[in-house]
PDB file of N, CA and C in Angstrom:
ATOM      1  N   UNK A   1      -7.093 -40.490  -7.785  1.00  0.00           N
ATOM      2  CA  UNK A   1      -6.120 -40.421  -8.255  1.00  0.00           C
ATOM      3  C   UNK A   1      -7.181 -40.150  -9.612  1.00  0.00           C
ATOM      4  N   UNK A   2      -8.168 -39.796  -9.326  1.00  0.00           N
ATOM      5  CA  UNK A   2      -8.344 -38.832 -10.622  1.00  0.00           C
ATOM      6  C   UNK A   2      -8.340 -37.739 -10.344  1.00  0.00           C
ATOM      7  N   UNK A   3      -8.495 -37.239  -8.895  1.00  0.00           N
ATOM      8  CA  UNK A   3      -7.945 -35.904  -9.095  1.00  0.00           C
ATOM      9  C   UNK A   3      -6.515 -34.998  -9.547  1.00  0.00           C
ATOM     10  N   UNK A   4      -5.938 -36.161  -9.415  1.00  0.00           N
ATOM     11  CA  UNK A   4      -4.898 -35.822 -10.630  1.00  0.00           C
ATOM     12  C   UNK A   4      -5.375 -34.913 -11.806  1.00  0.00           C
ATOM     13  N   UNK A   5      -6.095 -36.370 -12.223  1.00  0.00           N
ATOM     14  CA  UNK A   5      -6.592 -35.554 -13.821  1.00  0.00           C
ATOM     15  C   UNK A   5      -6.691 -34.078 -14.169  1.00  0.00           C
ATOM     16  N   UNK A   6      -7.513 -33.808 -12.217  1.00  0.00           N
ATOM     17  CA  UNK A   6      -7.458 -32.481 -12.269  1.00  0.00           C
ATOM     18  C   UNK A   6      -6.920 -31.165 -12.086  1.00  0.00           C
ATOM     19  N   UNK A   7      -5.302 -31.291 -11.004  1.00  0.00           N
ATOM     20  CA  UNK A   7      -4.580 -31.067 -11.454  1.00  0.00           C
ATOM     21  C   UNK A   7      -3.692 -30.566 -11.693  1.00  0.00           C
ATOM     22  N   UNK A   8      -3.065 -31.455 -12.345  1.00  0.00           N
ATOM     23  CA  UNK A   8      -1.751 -30.749 -13.238  1.00  0.00           C
ATOM     24  C   UNK A   8      -2.180 -30.294 -14.219  1.00  0.00           C
ATOM     25  N   UNK A   9      -3.409 -30.895 -15.322  1.00  0.00           N
ATOM     26  CA  UNK A   9      -3.401 -29.918 -16.216  1.00  0.00           C
ATOM     27  C   UNK A   9      -3.785 -28.162 -16.175  1.00  0.00           C
ATOM     28  N   UNK A  10      -3.757 -27.925 -13.844  1.00  0.00           N
ATOM     29  CA  UNK A  10      -4.835 -26.990 -13.955  1.00  0.00           C
ATOM     30  C   UNK A  10      -2.973 -26.501 -12.890  1.00  0.00           C
ATOM     31  N   UNK A  11      -2.312 -27.162 -13.117  1.00  0.00           N
ATOM     32  CA  UNK A  11      -0.226 -26.783 -12.425  1.00  0.00           C
ATOM     33  C   UNK A  11       0.401 -26.604 -13.782  1.00  0.00           C
ATOM     34  N   UNK A  12      -0.298 -26.367 -15.037  1.00  0.00           N
ATOM     35  CA  UNK A  12       0.672 -26.517 -15.582  1.00  0.00           C
ATOM     36  C   UNK A  12      -0.008 -25.421 -17.141  1.00  0.00           C
ATOM     37  N   UNK A  13      -0.360 -25.111 -16.646  1.00  0.00           N
ATOM     38  CA  UNK A  13      -1.747 -23.805 -16.947  1.00  0.00           C
ATOM     39  C   UNK A  13      -1.500 -22.295 -15.702  1.00  0.00           C
ATOM     40  N   UNK A  14      -1.058 -22.830 -14.609  1.00  0.00           N
ATOM     41  CA  UNK A  14      -1.157 -21.438 -13.495  1.00  0.00           C
ATOM     42  C   UNK A  14       0.933 -21.507 -13.104  1.00  0.00           C
ATOM     43  N   UNK A  15       1.345 -22.880 -14.090  1.00  0.00           N
ATOM     44  CA  UNK A  15       2.775 -22.057 -13.543  1.00  0.00           C
ATOM     45  C   UNK A  15       3.209 -21.147 -15.440  1.00  0.00           C
ATOM     46  N   UNK A  16       2.650 -20.932 -15.840  1.00  0.00           N
ATOM     47  CA  UNK A  16       3.736 -19.711 -17.155  1.00  0.00           C
ATOM     48  C   UNK A  16       2.755 -18.315 -16.462  1.00  0.00           C
ATOM     49  N   UNK A  17       1.495 -18.394 -16.045  1.00  0.00           N
ATOM     50  CA  UNK A  17       0.993 -17.585 -15.871  1.00  0.00           C
ATOM     51  C   UNK A  17       1.841 -17.241 -14.274  1.00  0.00           C
ATOM     52  N   UNK A  18       2.226 -17.939 -13.913  1.00  0.00           N
ATOM     53  CA  UNK A  18       2.556 -16.730 -12.622  1.00  0.00           C
ATOM     54  C   UNK A  18       4.696 -16.390 -13.028  1.00  0.00           C
ATOM     55  N   UNK A  19       4.650 -17.143 -13.941  1.00  0.00           N
ATOM     56  CA  UNK A  19       6.063 -16.857 -14.126  1.00  0.00           C
ATOM     57  C   UNK A  19       5.847 -15.243 -15.250  1.00  0.00           C
ATOM     58  N   UNK A  20       4.993 -15.492 -15.918  1.00  0.00           N
ATOM     59  CA  UNK A  20       4.469 -13.516 -16.028  1.00  0.00           C
ATOM     60  C   UNK A  20       4.301 -12.641 -15.939  1.00  0.00           C
ATOM     61  N   UNK A  21       3.639 -13.079 -14.378  1.00  0.00           N
ATOM     62  CA  UNK A  21       3.426 -11.733 -13.733  1.00  0.00           C
ATOM     63  C   UNK A  21       5.419 -11.913 -12.211  1.00  0.00           C
ATOM     64  N   UNK A  22       5.874 -12.997 -12.702  1.00  0.00           N
ATOM     65  CA  UNK A  22       7.348 -12.683 -12.109  1.00  0.00           C
ATOM     66  C   UNK A  22       8.152 -11.454 -13.181  1.00  0.00           C
ATOM     67  N   UNK A  23       7.865 -12.142 -14.364  1.00  0.00           N
ATOM     68  CA  UNK A  23       8.476 -11.238 -15.024  1.00  0.00           C
ATOM     69  C   UNK A  23       7.806  -9.617 -15.311  1.00  0.00           C
ATOM     70  N   UNK A  24       7.111  -9.961 -15.238  1.00  0.00           N
ATOM     71  CA  UNK A  24       6.139  -8.070 -15.190  1.00  0.00           C
ATOM     72  C   UNK A  24       7.578  -7.383 -14.271  1.00  0.00           C
ATOM     73  N   UNK A  25       6.816  -8.253 -13.093  1.00  0.00           N
ATOM     74  CA  UNK A  25       7.260  -6.982 -11.844  1.00  0.00           C
ATOM     75  C   UNK A  25       8.444  -6.508 -11.373  1.00  0.00           C
ATOM     76  N   UNK A  26       9.688  -7.870 -12.134  1.00  0.00           N
ATOM     77  CA  UNK A  26      10.739  -7.212 -12.212  1.00  0.00           C
ATOM     78  C   UNK A  26      11.490  -6.481 -14.042  1.00  0.00           C
ATOM     79  N   UNK A  27      10.166  -6.107 -14.541  1.00  0.00           N
ATOM     80  CA  UNK A  27      10.487  -4.965 -15.444  1.00  0.00           C
ATOM     81  C   UNK A  27      10.164  -4.066 -15.027  1.00  0.00           C
ATOM     82  N   UNK A  28       8.632  -4.286 -14.324  1.00  0.00           N
ATOM     83  CA  UNK A  28       8.514  -2.538 -13.930  1.00  0.00           C
ATOM     84  C   UNK A  28       9.506  -2.564 -13.126  1.00  0.00           C
ATOM     85  N   UNK A  29      10.493  -2.771 -12.109  1.00  0.00           N
ATOM     86  CA  UNK A  29      11.320  -2.361 -10.918  1.00  0.00           C
ATOM     87  C   UNK A  29      10.736  -2.816  -9.633  1.00  0.00           C
ATOM     88  N   UNK A  30       9.791  -3.893  -9.776  1.00  0.00           N
ATOM     89  CA  UNK A  30       8.752  -4.513  -8.079  1.00  0.00           C
ATOM     90  C   UNK A  30       9.452  -4.644  -7.354  1.00  0.00           C
ATOM     91  N   UNK A  31      11.013  -4.663  -7.412  1.00  0.00           N
ATOM     92  CA  UNK A  31      11.985  -5.331  -7.082  1.00  0.00           C
ATOM     93  C   UNK A  31      13.439  -4.720  -6.825  1.00  0.00           C
ATOM     94  N   UNK A  32      13.587  -3.532  -6.554  1.00  0.00           N
ATOM     95  CA  UNK A  32      14.555  -2.204  -7.204  1.00  0.00           C
ATOM     96  C   UNK A  32      15.197  -1.695  -6.787  1.00  0.00           C
ATOM     97  N   UNK A  33      14.252  -1.651  -5.170  1.00  0.00           N
ATOM     98  CA  UNK A  33      14.441  -0.967  -3.793  1.00  0.00           C
ATOM     99  C   UNK A  33      13.541  -1.590  -2.934  1.00  0.00           C
ATOM    100  N   UNK A  34      14.399  -3.039  -2.308  1.00  0.00           N
ATOM    101  CA  UNK A  34      13.599  -3.727  -1.250  1.00  0.00           C
ATOM    102  C   UNK A  34      14.520  -3.400   0.101  1.00  0.00           C
ATOM    103  N   UNK A  35      14.757  -2.031   0.782  1.00  0.00           N
ATOM    104  CA  UNK A  35      14.478  -1.380   1.354  1.00  0.00           C
ATOM    105  C   UNK A  35      14.330  -0.495   2.597  1.00  0.00           C
ATOM    106  N   UNK A  36      13.959  -0.096   1.106  1.00  0.00           N
ATOM    107  CA  UNK A  36      13.591   1.846   1.184  1.00  0.00           C
ATOM    108  C   UNK A  36      12.142   2.216   1.971  1.00  0.00           C
ATOM    109  N   UNK A  37      10.985   1.310   1.886  1.00  0.00           N
ATOM    110  CA  UNK A  37       9.723   1.690   1.946  1.00  0.00           C
ATOM    111  C   UNK A  37       9.848   0.695   3.638  1.00  0.00           C
ATOM    112  N   UNK A  38      11.297   0.331   3.922  1.00  0.00           N
ATOM    113  CA  UNK A  38      10.749  -0.183   6.056  1.00  0.00           C
ATOM    114  C   UNK A  38      11.688   0.390   6.172  1.00  0.00           C
ATOM    115  N   UNK A  39      12.889   1.063   5.075  1.00  0.00           N
ATOM    116  CA  UNK A  39      13.174   2.326   5.987  1.00  0.00           C
ATOM    117  C   UNK A  39      12.617   3.351   6.381  1.00  0.00           C
ATOM    118  N   UNK A  40      11.957   3.589   5.488  1.00  0.00           N
ATOM    119  CA  UNK A  40      11.205   5.269   5.719  1.00  0.00           C
ATOM    120  C   UNK A  40       9.985   4.801   6.467  1.00  0.00           C
ATOM    121  N   UNK A  41       9.628   4.044   7.001  1.00  0.00           N
ATOM    122  CA  UNK A  41       8.645   4.481   8.466  1.00  0.00           C
ATOM    123  C   UNK A  41       9.757   4.367   9.569  1.00  0.00           C
ATOM    124  N   UNK A  42      10.777   4.816   9.605  1.00  0.00           N
ATOM    125  CA  UNK A  42      11.421   4.159  10.984  1.00  0.00           C
ATOM    126  C   UNK A  42      12.270   5.858  10.188  1.00  0.00           C
ATOM    127  N   UNK A  43      12.529   6.126   9.362  1.00  0.00           N
ATOM    128  CA  UNK A  43      12.483   8.259   9.860  1.00  0.00           C
ATOM    129  C   UNK A  43      11.991   9.132  10.751  1.00  0.00           C
ATOM    130  N   UNK A  44      11.874   9.941  10.775  1.00  0.00           N
ATOM    131  CA  UNK A  44      11.707  11.188  11.546  1.00  0.00           C
ATOM    132  C   UNK A  44      11.392  12.640  10.890  1.00  0.00           C
ATOM    133  N   UNK A  45      10.388  12.357  10.571  1.00  0.00           N
ATOM    134  CA  UNK A  45       9.842  14.199   9.551  1.00  0.00           C
ATOM    135  C   UNK A  45      10.103  14.995  10.701  1.00  0.00           C
ATOM    136  N   UNK A  46      11.718  15.673  10.255  1.00  0.00           N
ATOM    137  CA  UNK A  46      12.116  16.973  11.310  1.00  0.00           C
ATOM    138  C   UNK A  46      11.119  18.429  11.475  1.00  0.00           C
ATOM    139  N   UNK A  47      10.994  18.333  10.257  1.00  0.00           N
ATOM    140  CA  UNK A  47       9.474  19.271  10.450  1.00  0.00           C
ATOM    141  C   UNK A  47       8.222  19.809  10.852  1.00  0.00           C
ATOM    142  N   UNK A  48       8.188  20.674  11.671  1.00  0.00           N
ATOM    143  CA  UNK A  48       6.740  20.644  12.558  1.00  0.00           C
ATOM    144  C   UNK A  48       5.835  20.381  11.356  1.00  0.00           C
ATOM    145  N   UNK A  49       4.588  20.234  12.047  1.00  0.00           N
ATOM    146  CA  UNK A  49       3.333  20.222  11.229  1.00  0.00           C
ATOM    147  C   UNK A  49       3.081  22.044  11.239  1.00  0.00           C
ATOM    148  N   UNK A  50       2.261  22.326  10.113  1.00  0.00           N
ATOM    149  CA  UNK A  50       2.271  23.739  10.586  1.00  0.00           C
ATOM    150  C   UNK A  50       0.898  23.702  11.479  1.00  0.00           C
ATOM    151  N   UNK A  51       0.608  24.867  12.152  1.00  0.00           N
ATOM    152  CA  UNK A  51      -0.465  25.089  13.145  1.00  0.00           C
ATOM    153  C   UNK A  51      -1.869  25.469  12.504  1.00  0.00           C
ATOM    154  N   UNK A  52      -3.032  25.134  13.420  1.00  0.00           N
ATOM    155  CA  UNK A  52      -3.816  25.546  11.730  1.00  0.00           C
ATOM    156  C   UNK A  52      -4.161  27.444  12.505  1.00  0.00           C
ATOM    157  N   UNK A  53      -5.128  27.941  11.442  1.00  0.00           N
ATOM    158  CA  UNK A  53      -4.716  29.219  11.100  1.00  0.00           C
ATOM    159  C   UNK A  53      -5.901  28.984  11.928  1.00  0.00           C
ATOM    160  N   UNK A  54      -6.609  29.124  11.733  1.00  0.00           N
ATOM    161  CA  UNK A  54      -8.720  28.955  12.887  1.00  0.00           C
ATOM    162  C   UNK A  54      -9.103  28.023  13.476  1.00  0.00           C
ATOM    163  N   UNK A  55      -8.881  28.599  14.240  1.00  0.00           N
ATOM    164  CA  UNK A  55      -8.678  27.313  15.816  1.00  0.00           C
ATOM    165  C   UNK A  55     -10.516  27.260  15.647  1.00  0.00           C
ATOM    166  N   UNK A  56     -10.969  25.999  16.305  1.00  0.00           N
ATOM    167  CA  UNK A  56     -12.139  25.867  16.644  1.00  0.00           C
ATOM    168  C   UNK A  56     -13.163  26.989  16.837  1.00  0.00           C
ATOM    169  N   UNK A  57     -14.422  27.851  16.517  1.00  0.00           N
ATOM    170  CA  UNK A  57     -15.414  28.218  17.263  1.00  0.00           C
ATOM    171  C   UNK A  57     -15.327  28.392  18.428  1.00  0.00           C
ATOM    172  N   UNK A  58     -15.447  29.145  19.110  1.00  0.00           N
ATOM    173  CA  UNK A  58     -16.188  28.874  20.453  1.00  0.00           C
ATOM    174  C   UNK A  58     -17.583  29.002  20.548  1.00  0.00           C
ATOM    175  N   UNK A  59     -18.045  28.054  21.025  1.00  0.00           N
ATOM    176  CA  UNK A  59     -19.519  27.577  20.480  1.00  0.00           C
ATOM    177  C   UNK A  59     -20.397  28.620  21.786  1.00  0.00           C
ATOM    178  N   UNK A  60     -20.174  28.355  22.824  1.00  0.00           N
ATOM    179  CA  UNK A  60     -20.622  29.570  23.707  1.00  0.00           C
ATOM    180  C   UNK A  60     -20.967  30.848  23.319  1.00  0.00           C
ATOM    181  N   UNK A  61     -20.236  31.759  22.585  1.00  0.00           N
ATOM    182  CA  UNK A  61     -20.354  33.110  21.610  1.00  0.00           C
ATOM    183  C   UNK A  61     -20.663  32.317  20.411  1.00  0.00           C
ATOM    184  N   UNK A  62     -21.101  31.362  20.151  1.00  0.00           N
ATOM    185  CA  UNK A  62     -22.935  31.078  19.214  1.00  0.00           C
ATOM    186  C   UNK A  62     -24.358  31.530  20.065  1.00  0.00           C
ATOM    187  N   UNK A  63     -23.594  30.592  20.679  1.00  0.00           N
ATOM    188  CA  UNK A  63     -25.086  30.200  21.094  1.00  0.00           C
ATOM    189  C   UNK A  63     -26.320  32.185  22.070  1.00  0.00           C
ATOM    190  N   UNK A  64     -24.520  32.999  22.346  1.00  0.00           N
ATOM    191  CA  UNK A  64     -25.953  33.878  22.885  1.00  0.00           C
ATOM    192  C   UNK A  64     -25.961  35.099  21.725  1.00  0.00           C
ATOM    193  N   UNK A  65     -25.645  34.926  19.954  1.00  0.00           N
ATOM    194  CA  UNK A  65     -25.926  35.835  19.213  1.00  0.00           C
ATOM    195  C   UNK A  65     -27.392  35.427  18.749  1.00  0.00           C
ATOM    196  N   UNK A  66     -28.221  34.550  19.050  1.00  0.00           N
ATOM    197  CA  UNK A  66     -29.670  34.228  19.130  1.00  0.00           C
ATOM    198  C   UNK A  66     -30.669  34.893  19.750  1.00  0.00           C
TER     199      UNK A  66
END
């Protein structure tokens, strides 16, 4: 019963804070596109990645020049 004396005031302080966080998230557009990020991961990139212009140097040729 004594724990209620602590938990009730804490919950009364927590509720306005959570309500403000929800208001901020809605106002800044966090809930505008719920499906986009989930579908973006499934999209295939059609453009191939560019080849490296300089391939890795041959380690054998460096050891001969010493």
